[in-house]
Amino acid sequence: MDTKTLEFVTYCISKLAQALNISQREIYRRLKQSGILYGYIVPSYDVLHTFSSRYLVEDLTDYMKEKGVLPQ
């Protein structure tokens, strides 16, 4: 993973933690365990980093719910 992607992953984790009121460590654990981190965020960096933070949080939250990482 290159530096830009790593910074983006850190940004996503931070924004999700703020929006969901869950620790960054727990967000990271859930994203990694569910496969969202390396199966969606990292490979989709080129597209995802162009979105607003609001859209990004909504998209990732919806996907986390789909994967059963967050309650519906």
C-alpha atoms as a PDB file:
ATOM      1  CA  MET A   1       0.000   0.000   0.000  1.00  0.00           C
ATOM      2  CA  ASP A   2       1.452   3.366  -0.959  1.00  0.00           C
ATOM      3  CA  THR A   3       1.509   6.475   1.241  1.00  0.00           C
ATOM      4  CA  LYS A   4      -1.495   8.153  -0.406  1.00  0.00           C
ATOM      5  CA  THR A   5      -3.651   5.069   0.030  1.00  0.00           C
ATOM      6  CA  LEU A   6      -2.531   4.659   3.641  1.00  0.00           C
ATOM      7  CA  GLU A   7      -3.399   8.295   4.384  1.00  0.00           C
ATOM      8  CA  PHE A   8      -6.798   7.794   2.766  1.00  0.00           C
ATOM      9  CA  VAL A   9      -7.482   4.657   4.813  1.00  0.00           C
ATOM     10  CA  THR A  10      -6.557   6.569   7.971  1.00  0.00           C
ATOM     11  CA  TYR A  11      -8.871   9.400   6.915  1.00  0.00           C
ATOM     12  CA  CYS A  12     -11.766   6.970   6.297  1.00  0.00           C
ATOM     13  CA  ILE A  13     -11.278   5.316   9.673  1.00  0.00           C
ATOM     14  CA  SER A  14     -11.177   8.685  11.424  1.00  0.00           C
ATOM     15  CA  LYS A  15     -14.324   9.976   9.699  1.00  0.00           C
ATOM     16  CA  LEU A  16     -16.241   6.753  10.369  1.00  0.00           C
ATOM     17  CA  ALA A  17     -15.179   6.780  14.019  1.00  0.00           C
ATOM     18  CA  GLN A  18     -16.462  10.345  14.416  1.00  0.00           C
ATOM     19  CA  ALA A  19     -19.734   9.699  12.599  1.00  0.00           C
ATOM     20  CA  LEU A  20     -20.501   6.418  14.365  1.00  0.00           C
ATOM     21  CA  ASN A  21     -19.080   7.351  17.769  1.00  0.00           C
ATOM     22  CA  ILE A  22     -16.914   4.224  17.770  1.00  0.00           C
ATOM     23  CA  SER A  23     -13.181   4.166  18.477  1.00  0.00           C
ATOM     24  CA  GLN A  24     -10.817   4.243  15.529  1.00  0.00           C
ATOM     25  CA  ARG A  25      -9.291   0.980  16.689  1.00  0.00           C
ATOM     26  CA  GLU A  26     -12.715  -0.705  16.598  1.00  0.00           C
ATOM     27  CA  ILE A  27     -13.538   0.745  13.164  1.00  0.00           C
ATOM     28  CA  TYR A  28     -10.231  -0.577  11.840  1.00  0.00           C
ATOM     29  CA  ARG A  29     -10.902  -4.005  13.341  1.00  0.00           C
ATOM     30  CA  ARG A  30     -14.379  -4.194  11.815  1.00  0.00           C
ATOM     31  CA  LEU A  31     -13.230  -3.019   8.386  1.00  0.00           C
ATOM     32  CA  LYS A  32     -10.321  -5.443   8.333  1.00  0.00           C
ATOM     33  CA  GLN A  33     -12.270  -8.408   9.695  1.00  0.00           C
ATOM     34  CA  SER A  34     -15.157  -7.924   7.256  1.00  0.00           C
ATOM     35  CA  GLY A  35     -12.882  -7.619   4.236  1.00  0.00           C
ATOM     36  CA  ILE A  36     -14.050  -4.083   3.501  1.00  0.00           C
ATOM     37  CA  LEU A  37     -10.622  -2.575   4.092  1.00  0.00           C
ATOM     38  CA  TYR A  38      -8.599  -4.667   1.632  1.00  0.00           C
ATOM     39  CA  GLY A  39     -11.502  -5.798  -0.534  1.00  0.00           C
ATOM     40  CA  TYR A  40     -13.130  -2.417  -1.132  1.00  0.00           C
ATOM     41  CA  ILE A  41     -11.420   0.679   0.297  1.00  0.00           C
ATOM     42  CA  VAL A  42      -7.832  -0.030  -0.774  1.00  0.00           C
ATOM     43  CA  PRO A  43      -8.589  -1.317  -4.298  1.00  0.00           C
ATOM     44  CA  SER A  44     -11.157   1.450  -4.884  1.00  0.00           C
ATOM     45  CA  TYR A  45      -8.922   4.285  -3.682  1.00  0.00           C
ATOM     46  CA  ASP A  46      -8.718   5.916  -7.116  1.00  0.00           C
ATOM     47  CA  VAL A  47     -12.482   6.407  -7.207  1.00  0.00           C
ATOM     48  CA  LEU A  48     -13.320   6.760  -3.510  1.00  0.00           C
ATOM     49  CA  HIS A  49     -10.846   9.551  -2.780  1.00  0.00           C
ATOM     50  CA  THR A  50     -12.707  11.823  -5.195  1.00  0.00           C
ATOM     51  CA  PHE A  51     -15.911  11.740  -3.127  1.00  0.00           C
ATOM     52  CA  SER A  52     -16.891  14.179  -0.389  1.00  0.00           C
ATOM     53  CA  SER A  53     -16.352  13.059   3.179  1.00  0.00           C
ATOM     54  CA  ARG A  54     -20.121  13.020   3.734  1.00  0.00           C
ATOM     55  CA  TYR A  55     -20.746  10.722   0.777  1.00  0.00           C
ATOM     56  CA  LEU A  56     -17.788   8.552   1.748  1.00  0.00           C
ATOM     57  CA  VAL A  57     -19.070   8.061   5.297  1.00  0.00           C
ATOM     58  CA  GLU A  58     -22.570   7.248   4.020  1.00  0.00           C
ATOM     59  CA  ASP A  59     -21.223   4.794   1.446  1.00  0.00           C
ATOM     60  CA  LEU A  60     -18.954   3.009   3.911  1.00  0.00           C
ATOM     61  CA  THR A  61     -21.630   2.946   6.615  1.00  0.00           C
ATOM     62  CA  ASP A  62     -24.125   1.399   4.200  1.00  0.00           C
ATOM     63  CA  TYR A  63     -21.570  -1.182   3.118  1.00  0.00           C
ATOM     64  CA  MET A  64     -20.719  -2.001   6.730  1.00  0.00           C
ATOM     65  CA  LYS A  65     -24.425  -2.596   7.379  1.00  0.00           C
ATOM     66  CA  GLU A  66     -24.645  -4.809   4.280  1.00  0.00           C
ATOM     67  CA  LYS A  67     -21.724  -6.877   5.533  1.00  0.00           C
ATOM     68  CA  GLY A  68     -23.252  -7.172   9.011  1.00  0.00           C
ATOM     69  CA  VAL A  69     -20.524  -5.101  10.656  1.00  0.00           C
ATOM     70  CA  LEU A  70     -23.059  -2.540  11.871  1.00  0.00           C
ATOM     71  CA  PRO A  71     -26.681  -3.066  12.908  1.00  0.00           C
ATOM     72  CA  GLN A  72     -29.299  -2.213  10.299  1.00  0.00           C
END
